[in-house]
Amino acid sequence: MKYNFDEMVDRRNTYSLKWDGGDLIKQVGLTERYDNETIPLFTADMDLPVPQPLIDALHKTVEHRIFGYSVFPDEYYDSIQHWFRKRHDWTIKKEEIVYSPGTVHALNIAVKALTNPGDGVIIQPPVYPPFTTAVEGNGRVVRHNAMKCDSEGYYSIDFEDFEAKAKEENTKMFILCNPHNPTGRIFTVEELKKLSDICAENDVIIVADEIHGDLIRKNQTFTPLAKIADNTDHIITCTAINKTFNVAGLHCTNVIISNTEMRNTFTEAMGMQLPSPFTVSALIAVYNEGEEWLEQLNQYIDDTMDYVKSFLAENLPTVKVNIPEGTYVMWLDFRGYGLSSKEVHDRIYNKANVLLEDGDMFGDGGEGFQRICIPSPRPLIKEALERIALEFQDVEAINLIKA
């Protein structure tokens, strides 16, 4: 089946956070302006229709007409195992799979259950903001292992700093984001093995957020950490259909934990979590029949990213951006304008009326950047970029004269 991702689906009045949540969005401080003309490209969900087999499965669930307490059938676990074996050559045992209603929820449970108040937890900023809140909000201490960025905008791990922080007596956990959000890095097998070995040697638990692991850019390869680690006793992996298949509203994360003792501790802290019947039918459908859609989606995202990069080169050449190795987010560097972060924000959010995410939300190294989520119909992305370009044409003209 050929999918039309250029189709504009009106999401207003469908309880959508990004399209109907203006009051909440302003309340939490993401923007000062939000109205019917706002183009929201700030949150990691897609404005693209889901696979047809998923729609068919949900219709079948609806037609049953009863939505009571549900359980996980064998087919649920079989589908997870099949997907990761086929897509990533990673073998997962059924007993290793623990359901969570969300990845952020799972991160918080892991921090609370497997560390103590005052313990140190390593994160790698600039990184997804809930990593910081999962640590500090539970009375633990963030250990920043900031990503290094070279003159070409390529990010790498500061291993010397990472090992020093892992060796600190109270460091008990490392939250890995791979593919990395917002920089888009996919860590190599060599990098992953080194991270794993350092943590194993220092009794540091790794919680690997790999929920963007199926959103891989062309000519790139993603490798699950637990697949290549010499020992997985210290590794927890978060997987999800939420990002891959645009079903964040169905709340479906699956946490893979091979260490029995650690899994029991995590599961006990999680408590009994029963799924929605829609969650069960959705996962089975997308993992068994959603691959064709995903291949088309990744190609569409690749093409959109090429478009964004070309548009910026022609119309906003001061903005630096690289095509990420993974994810569907792009990390835009506005520092070349010499404007304050507040001024950049005002031009984009209030004047252009486009809602992105300010880079300083992602911690160290984020100031002067903007994160844009691009899995929307390309005409919408085009309109958003044109609005932004209009608001920066004066400083672009000045930069052109200086050049």
Protein backbone atom coordinates (compact mmCIF):
# COMPACT_ATOMS: atom_id res chain seq x y z
CA MET A 1 0.00 0.00 0.00
CA LYS A 2 1.28 3.46 -0.89
CA TYR A 3 0.85 6.07 1.86
CA ASN A 4 0.35 9.77 1.16
CA PHE A 5 2.28 11.59 3.87
CA ASP A 6 1.67 14.95 2.18
CA GLU A 7 -1.99 14.67 3.21
CA MET A 8 -2.95 17.45 5.61
CA VAL A 9 -4.94 15.91 8.45
CA ASP A 10 -6.70 18.50 10.61
CA ARG A 11 -5.86 17.57 14.20
CA ARG A 12 -7.67 20.43 15.91
CA ASN A 13 -10.54 19.45 18.21
CA THR A 14 -9.17 15.90 18.58
CA TYR A 15 -7.70 16.41 22.09
CA SER A 16 -4.23 16.82 20.56
CA LEU A 17 -1.65 18.28 22.93
CA LYS A 18 0.20 20.13 20.18
CA TRP A 19 -2.88 21.41 18.34
CA ASP A 20 -5.47 21.82 21.14
CA GLY A 21 -3.27 22.33 24.20
CA GLY A 22 -2.49 26.02 23.82
CA ASP A 23 -3.47 26.97 27.37
CA LEU A 24 -1.29 24.23 28.86
CA ILE A 25 1.57 24.99 26.48
CA LYS A 26 1.59 28.64 27.53
CA GLN A 27 1.14 27.71 31.18
CA VAL A 28 4.31 25.59 31.25
CA GLY A 29 6.26 28.38 29.56
CA LEU A 30 7.00 26.94 26.12
CA THR A 31 5.63 30.02 24.39
CA GLU A 32 3.86 33.30 25.04
CA ARG A 33 1.75 33.14 21.90
CA TYR A 34 -0.55 30.32 20.83
CA ASP A 35 -3.57 30.79 18.60
CA ASN A 36 -5.35 29.24 15.64
CA GLU A 37 -2.51 30.30 13.31
CA THR A 38 0.27 28.71 15.37
CA ILE A 39 2.27 25.96 13.68
CA PRO A 40 3.37 23.62 16.51
CA LEU A 41 6.49 21.62 15.69
CA PHE A 42 7.75 21.21 19.22
CA THR A 43 6.64 17.80 20.39
CA ALA A 44 7.74 14.38 19.19
CA ASP A 45 4.55 13.09 17.68
CA MET A 46 3.67 13.00 14.01
CA ASP A 47 1.03 14.79 11.99
CA LEU A 48 1.03 11.79 9.67
CA PRO A 49 -1.55 8.99 9.38
CA VAL A 50 -0.70 5.64 10.95
CA PRO A 51 -0.42 2.25 9.16
CA GLN A 52 -3.64 0.84 7.74
CA PRO A 53 -3.22 -2.50 9.60
CA LEU A 54 -3.20 -0.51 12.85
CA ILE A 55 -6.44 1.26 11.91
CA ASP A 56 -8.01 -2.06 10.99
CA ALA A 57 -6.95 -3.63 14.29
CA LEU A 58 -8.35 -0.73 16.32
CA HIS A 59 -11.63 -0.88 14.40
CA LYS A 60 -11.87 -4.57 15.22
CA THR A 61 -11.29 -3.78 18.89
CA VAL A 62 -14.00 -1.10 18.82
CA GLU A 63 -16.45 -3.41 17.10
CA HIS A 64 -16.19 -5.81 20.00
CA ARG A 65 -18.02 -3.08 22.01
CA ILE A 66 -16.62 -4.02 25.42
CA PHE A 67 -13.45 -2.44 26.79
CA GLY A 68 -12.79 -4.11 30.12
CA TYR A 69 -9.62 -4.96 32.01
CA SER A 70 -7.14 -6.56 29.65
CA VAL A 71 -4.09 -8.80 29.80
CA PHE A 72 -1.10 -9.48 27.56
CA PRO A 73 -1.61 -12.54 25.35
CA ASP A 74 1.32 -14.62 24.12
CA GLU A 75 0.95 -12.93 20.74
CA TYR A 76 1.88 -9.61 22.34
CA TYR A 77 5.25 -10.94 23.48
CA ASP A 78 5.75 -12.93 20.28
CA SER A 79 5.29 -9.74 18.24
CA ILE A 80 7.92 -7.87 20.25
CA GLN A 81 10.39 -10.71 19.94
CA HIS A 82 9.75 -11.08 16.21
CA TRP A 83 10.22 -7.37 15.53
CA PHE A 84 13.53 -6.99 17.29
CA ARG A 85 14.90 -10.25 15.95
CA LYS A 86 14.01 -9.28 12.38
CA ARG A 87 14.82 -5.57 12.46
CA HIS A 88 17.83 -5.56 14.79
CA ASP A 89 19.01 -9.17 15.06
CA TRP A 90 18.40 -8.92 18.80
CA THR A 91 16.98 -11.91 20.66
CA ILE A 92 14.78 -11.04 23.63
CA LYS A 93 13.36 -13.57 26.05
CA LYS A 94 9.69 -13.30 26.95
CA GLU A 95 10.39 -13.12 30.68
CA GLU A 96 12.68 -10.13 30.15
CA ILE A 97 9.82 -7.91 28.92
CA VAL A 98 8.13 -5.56 31.39
CA TYR A 99 5.28 -3.32 30.27
CA SER A 100 5.19 0.37 31.23
CA PRO A 101 2.57 2.95 30.28
CA GLY A 102 5.35 5.27 29.12
CA THR A 103 9.09 5.70 28.82
CA VAL A 104 9.35 8.72 31.11
CA HIS A 105 7.35 6.76 33.67
CA ALA A 106 9.79 3.86 33.30
CA LEU A 107 12.78 6.20 33.77
CA ASN A 108 11.30 7.55 36.99
CA ILE A 109 10.59 4.03 38.27
CA ALA A 110 14.14 2.92 37.48
CA VAL A 111 15.67 5.90 39.28
CA LYS A 112 13.48 5.45 42.36
CA ALA A 113 13.75 1.67 42.54
CA LEU A 114 17.43 1.14 41.72
CA THR A 115 19.17 4.14 43.29
CA ASN A 116 18.97 5.94 46.62
CA PRO A 117 18.40 9.62 47.43
CA GLY A 118 21.63 11.52 46.91
CA ASP A 119 23.05 9.04 44.41
CA GLY A 120 24.57 10.37 41.20
CA VAL A 121 23.03 9.69 37.79
CA ILE A 122 24.94 10.48 34.58
CA ILE A 123 23.19 12.09 31.64
CA GLN A 124 24.65 13.49 28.41
CA PRO A 125 23.40 17.01 27.67
CA PRO A 126 22.11 18.56 25.58
CA VAL A 127 19.50 15.87 26.14
CA TYR A 128 15.75 15.26 26.43
CA PRO A 129 14.62 17.41 29.43
CA PRO A 130 12.70 14.66 31.33
CA PHE A 131 16.05 12.93 31.97
CA THR A 132 16.98 15.78 34.28
CA THR A 133 13.61 15.87 36.01
CA ALA A 134 13.62 12.08 36.50
CA VAL A 135 16.87 12.49 38.42
CA GLU A 136 16.40 15.73 40.32
CA GLY A 137 12.67 15.22 40.86
CA ASN A 138 13.42 12.02 42.76
CA GLY A 139 16.11 13.51 44.98
CA ARG A 140 19.11 12.21 43.05
CA VAL A 141 22.06 14.23 41.73
CA VAL A 142 22.69 14.85 38.03
CA ARG A 143 26.19 14.12 36.80
CA HIS A 144 26.60 15.98 33.50
CA ASN A 145 28.74 14.25 30.87
CA ALA A 146 28.27 16.92 28.22
CA MET A 147 28.48 15.87 24.59
CA LYS A 148 31.39 17.40 22.68
CA CYS A 149 30.54 19.34 19.52
CA ASP A 150 33.14 20.08 16.86
CA SER A 151 33.21 22.96 14.40
CA GLU A 152 31.13 20.96 11.92
CA GLY A 153 28.36 20.35 14.44
CA TYR A 154 29.24 16.67 14.99
CA TYR A 155 28.67 15.40 18.52
CA SER A 156 30.79 12.81 20.33
CA ILE A 157 31.17 11.42 23.83
CA ASP A 158 33.76 12.80 26.25
CA PHE A 159 34.89 9.40 27.48
CA GLU A 160 37.55 10.76 29.84
CA ASP A 161 34.93 12.78 31.68
CA PHE A 162 32.43 9.91 31.51
CA GLU A 163 34.80 7.46 33.14
CA ALA A 164 35.75 9.97 35.84
CA LYS A 165 32.11 10.48 36.74
CA ALA A 166 31.38 6.73 36.63
CA LYS A 167 34.19 6.18 39.11
CA GLU A 168 32.72 8.62 41.64
CA GLU A 169 31.62 6.67 44.69
CA ASN A 170 27.98 7.73 44.64
CA THR A 171 27.40 7.37 40.87
CA LYS A 172 24.92 4.53 40.52
CA MET A 173 23.18 5.00 37.17
CA PHE A 174 23.64 6.28 33.63
CA ILE A 175 20.66 7.20 31.43
CA LEU A 176 21.66 6.70 27.80
CA CYS A 177 19.71 8.24 24.93
CA ASN A 178 20.39 6.38 21.68
CA PRO A 179 19.60 7.62 19.08
CA HIS A 180 20.45 10.79 20.95
CA ASN A 181 17.73 13.40 21.31
CA PRO A 182 18.19 16.22 20.21
CA THR A 183 21.56 15.84 18.44
CA GLY A 184 20.51 12.82 16.36
CA ARG A 185 23.68 10.83 16.98
CA ILE A 186 23.51 7.05 16.72
CA PHE A 187 26.35 5.72 18.83
CA THR A 188 28.65 3.21 17.19
CA VAL A 189 29.18 -0.34 18.42
CA GLU A 190 32.61 0.72 19.69
CA GLU A 191 31.17 3.66 21.63
CA LEU A 192 28.42 1.50 23.11
CA LYS A 193 30.82 -1.24 24.19
CA LYS A 194 33.07 1.31 25.84
CA LEU A 195 30.15 2.88 27.73
CA SER A 196 28.93 -0.55 28.80
CA ASP A 197 32.37 -1.70 29.95
CA ILE A 198 33.01 1.44 31.98
CA CYS A 199 29.65 1.12 33.70
CA ALA A 200 30.07 -2.61 34.37
CA GLU A 201 33.50 -2.04 35.92
CA ASN A 202 32.10 0.62 38.24
CA ASP A 203 28.76 -1.02 39.15
CA VAL A 204 26.77 1.65 37.32
CA ILE A 205 23.36 0.63 35.98
CA ILE A 206 22.57 1.74 32.42
CA VAL A 207 19.03 2.70 31.49
CA ALA A 208 19.07 2.86 27.69
CA ASP A 209 16.29 4.92 26.11
CA GLU A 210 16.17 3.46 22.60
CA ILE A 211 12.65 4.48 21.63
CA HIS A 212 13.83 6.25 18.45
CA GLY A 213 15.73 3.13 17.35
CA ASP A 214 13.49 2.44 14.36
CA LEU A 215 13.58 6.02 13.09
CA ILE A 216 16.89 5.73 11.32
CA ARG A 217 18.14 7.96 8.57
CA LYS A 218 19.33 6.65 5.21
CA ASN A 219 22.64 4.77 5.15
CA GLN A 220 22.70 4.55 8.95
CA THR A 221 22.54 1.53 11.27
CA PHE A 222 21.20 1.35 14.81
CA THR A 223 22.45 -1.29 17.26
CA PRO A 224 20.69 -1.98 20.58
CA LEU A 225 23.14 -1.72 23.47
CA ALA A 226 22.02 -4.99 25.05
CA LYS A 227 22.69 -6.84 21.80
CA ILE A 228 26.42 -6.13 21.79
CA ALA A 229 27.29 -5.74 25.49
CA ASP A 230 29.52 -8.48 26.92
CA ASN A 231 27.24 -8.63 29.95
CA THR A 232 23.69 -7.28 30.20
CA ASP A 233 23.18 -7.67 33.94
CA HIS A 234 23.60 -3.90 34.39
CA ILE A 235 21.44 -2.87 31.42
CA ILE A 236 17.78 -1.84 31.20
CA THR A 237 16.44 -1.04 27.73
CA CYS A 238 13.34 1.02 26.99
CA THR A 239 11.62 0.22 23.69
CA ALA A 240 8.31 1.56 22.42
CA ILE A 241 5.90 1.67 19.52
CA ASN A 242 4.95 5.22 20.52
CA LYS A 243 7.50 7.13 18.44
CA THR A 244 7.94 4.61 15.61
CA PHE A 245 4.24 4.31 14.76
CA ASN A 246 2.85 7.61 16.10
CA VAL A 247 0.76 6.12 18.90
CA ALA A 248 1.99 8.07 21.94
CA GLY A 249 -1.62 8.35 23.10
CA LEU A 250 -1.84 4.56 23.50
CA HIS A 251 0.90 4.47 26.16
CA CYS A 252 3.02 1.49 25.23
CA THR A 253 6.62 1.12 26.38
CA ASN A 254 8.28 -2.25 26.84
CA VAL A 255 11.27 -2.41 29.16
CA ILE A 256 13.79 -5.20 28.62
CA ILE A 257 15.67 -6.37 31.73
CA SER A 258 17.72 -9.56 31.64
CA ASN A 259 18.93 -9.42 35.26
CA THR A 260 16.27 -11.28 37.25
CA GLU A 261 16.89 -9.50 40.55
CA MET A 262 16.89 -6.07 38.95
CA ARG A 263 13.78 -6.94 36.93
CA ASN A 264 11.93 -8.07 40.06
CA THR A 265 12.88 -4.86 41.87
CA PHE A 266 11.78 -2.74 38.92
CA THR A 267 8.52 -4.67 38.46
CA GLU A 268 7.65 -4.42 42.14
CA ALA A 269 8.20 -0.66 42.07
CA MET A 270 6.17 -0.36 38.87
CA GLY A 271 3.21 -2.14 40.41
CA MET A 272 0.55 -3.98 38.46
CA GLN A 273 0.00 -2.29 35.10
CA LEU A 274 -2.89 -3.57 33.01
CA PRO A 275 -3.00 -2.49 29.36
CA SER A 276 -5.78 -0.96 27.34
CA PRO A 277 -7.20 -3.45 24.81
CA PHE A 278 -6.32 -0.82 22.19
CA THR A 279 -2.69 -0.90 23.28
CA VAL A 280 -2.49 -4.67 22.91
CA SER A 281 -4.14 -4.78 19.50
CA ALA A 282 -2.05 -1.82 18.30
CA LEU A 283 1.29 -3.35 19.19
CA ILE A 284 0.46 -6.70 17.62
CA ALA A 285 -0.70 -4.98 14.43
CA VAL A 286 2.26 -2.66 13.95
CA TYR A 287 4.97 -5.14 14.87
CA ASN A 288 3.48 -7.82 12.61
CA GLU A 289 2.23 -5.69 9.71
CA GLY A 290 3.70 -2.20 10.02
CA GLU A 291 7.10 -2.61 8.41
CA GLU A 292 6.07 -1.48 4.92
CA TRP A 293 4.61 1.74 6.37
CA LEU A 294 7.79 2.35 8.40
CA GLU A 295 10.00 2.02 5.34
CA GLN A 296 7.89 4.61 3.51
CA LEU A 297 7.85 6.86 6.57
CA ASN A 298 11.64 6.82 6.94
CA GLN A 299 12.03 7.70 3.26
CA TYR A 300 9.58 10.59 3.65
CA ILE A 301 11.43 11.88 6.70
CA ASP A 302 14.75 11.60 4.84
CA ASP A 303 13.33 13.68 2.01
CA THR A 304 11.90 16.25 4.41
CA MET A 305 15.24 16.61 6.15
CA ASP A 306 16.96 17.12 2.82
CA TYR A 307 14.37 19.80 2.06
CA VAL A 308 14.93 21.54 5.42
CA LYS A 309 18.69 21.56 4.96
CA SER A 310 18.38 22.94 1.41
CA PHE A 311 15.86 25.59 2.46
CA LEU A 312 18.08 26.79 5.28
CA ALA A 313 21.16 26.89 3.04
CA GLU A 314 19.30 29.10 0.57
CA ASN A 315 17.20 31.27 2.86
CA LEU A 316 18.81 31.14 6.31
CA PRO A 317 22.46 30.32 5.61
CA THR A 318 23.55 31.58 9.01
CA VAL A 319 21.63 28.71 10.64
CA LYS A 320 23.79 25.59 10.84
CA VAL A 321 22.18 22.15 10.71
CA ASN A 322 23.27 18.59 10.01
CA ILE A 323 21.12 15.69 8.90
CA PRO A 324 20.87 13.52 12.04
CA GLU A 325 21.82 9.86 12.02
CA GLY A 326 18.58 8.94 13.77
CA THR A 327 15.30 10.39 15.12
CA TYR A 328 12.96 12.78 13.35
CA VAL A 329 14.23 15.90 15.10
CA MET A 330 16.69 18.46 13.75
CA TRP A 331 18.99 20.56 15.90
CA LEU A 332 19.21 24.08 14.50
CA ASP A 333 22.15 26.30 15.48
CA PHE A 334 21.15 29.99 15.50
CA ARG A 335 24.28 31.21 17.30
CA GLY A 336 25.77 32.74 14.16
CA TYR A 337 23.34 35.65 14.31
CA GLY A 338 24.86 37.03 17.48
CA LEU A 339 21.37 37.42 18.93
CA SER A 340 20.37 36.49 22.44
CA SER A 341 18.40 33.29 22.95
CA LYS A 342 15.47 35.50 24.01
CA GLU A 343 15.58 37.43 20.73
CA VAL A 344 15.78 34.25 18.64
CA HIS A 345 12.83 32.87 20.61
CA ASP A 346 10.78 36.04 20.08
CA ARG A 347 11.33 36.06 16.33
CA ILE A 348 10.31 32.41 15.93
CA TYR A 349 7.62 31.88 18.55
CA ASN A 350 5.92 35.27 18.79
CA LYS A 351 6.48 36.88 15.38
CA ALA A 352 6.63 33.89 13.02
CA ASN A 353 4.11 32.08 15.26
CA VAL A 354 5.97 28.79 14.93
CA LEU A 355 6.41 26.70 18.05
CA LEU A 356 9.73 24.82 18.34
CA GLU A 357 11.72 24.02 21.50
CA ASP A 358 14.38 26.33 22.90
CA GLY A 359 17.75 24.62 23.07
CA ASP A 360 18.47 25.72 26.64
CA MET A 361 15.67 23.39 27.77
CA PHE A 362 18.04 20.52 26.89
CA GLY A 363 20.75 21.61 29.32
CA ASP A 364 24.45 22.30 28.83
CA GLY A 365 25.32 23.07 25.22
CA GLY A 366 21.78 23.86 24.18
CA GLU A 367 21.81 27.65 24.38
CA GLY A 368 21.44 29.24 20.97
CA PHE A 369 19.86 26.15 19.41
CA GLN A 370 16.30 25.27 18.49
CA ARG A 371 14.86 21.76 18.14
CA ILE A 372 12.35 21.18 15.38
CA CYS A 373 10.28 18.00 15.00
CA ILE A 374 9.72 17.47 11.28
CA PRO A 375 7.37 14.45 10.88
CA SER A 376 4.56 16.56 9.47
CA PRO A 377 3.31 16.98 5.89
CA ARG A 378 6.02 18.78 3.93
CA PRO A 379 3.71 21.68 2.96
CA LEU A 380 3.34 22.48 6.67
CA ILE A 381 7.11 22.36 7.21
CA LYS A 382 7.55 24.64 4.20
CA GLU A 383 5.12 27.22 5.59
CA ALA A 384 6.82 27.15 9.01
CA LEU A 385 10.28 27.67 7.52
CA GLU A 386 9.06 30.48 5.27
CA ARG A 387 7.59 32.28 8.26
CA ILE A 388 10.85 31.94 10.20
CA ALA A 389 12.96 33.07 7.24
CA LEU A 390 10.84 36.21 6.92
CA GLU A 391 11.57 37.17 10.53
CA PHE A 392 15.34 36.77 10.10
CA GLN A 393 15.74 38.43 6.69
CA ASP A 394 17.07 41.65 8.25
CA VAL A 395 19.95 39.96 10.10
CA GLU A 396 20.63 37.73 7.12
CA ALA A 397 21.02 40.86 4.99
CA ILE A 398 23.46 42.33 7.50
CA ASN A 399 25.47 39.10 7.56
CA LEU A 400 25.56 39.09 3.76
CA ILE A 401 26.95 42.64 3.71
CA LYS A 402 29.58 41.76 6.30
CA ALA A 403 30.63 38.73 4.25
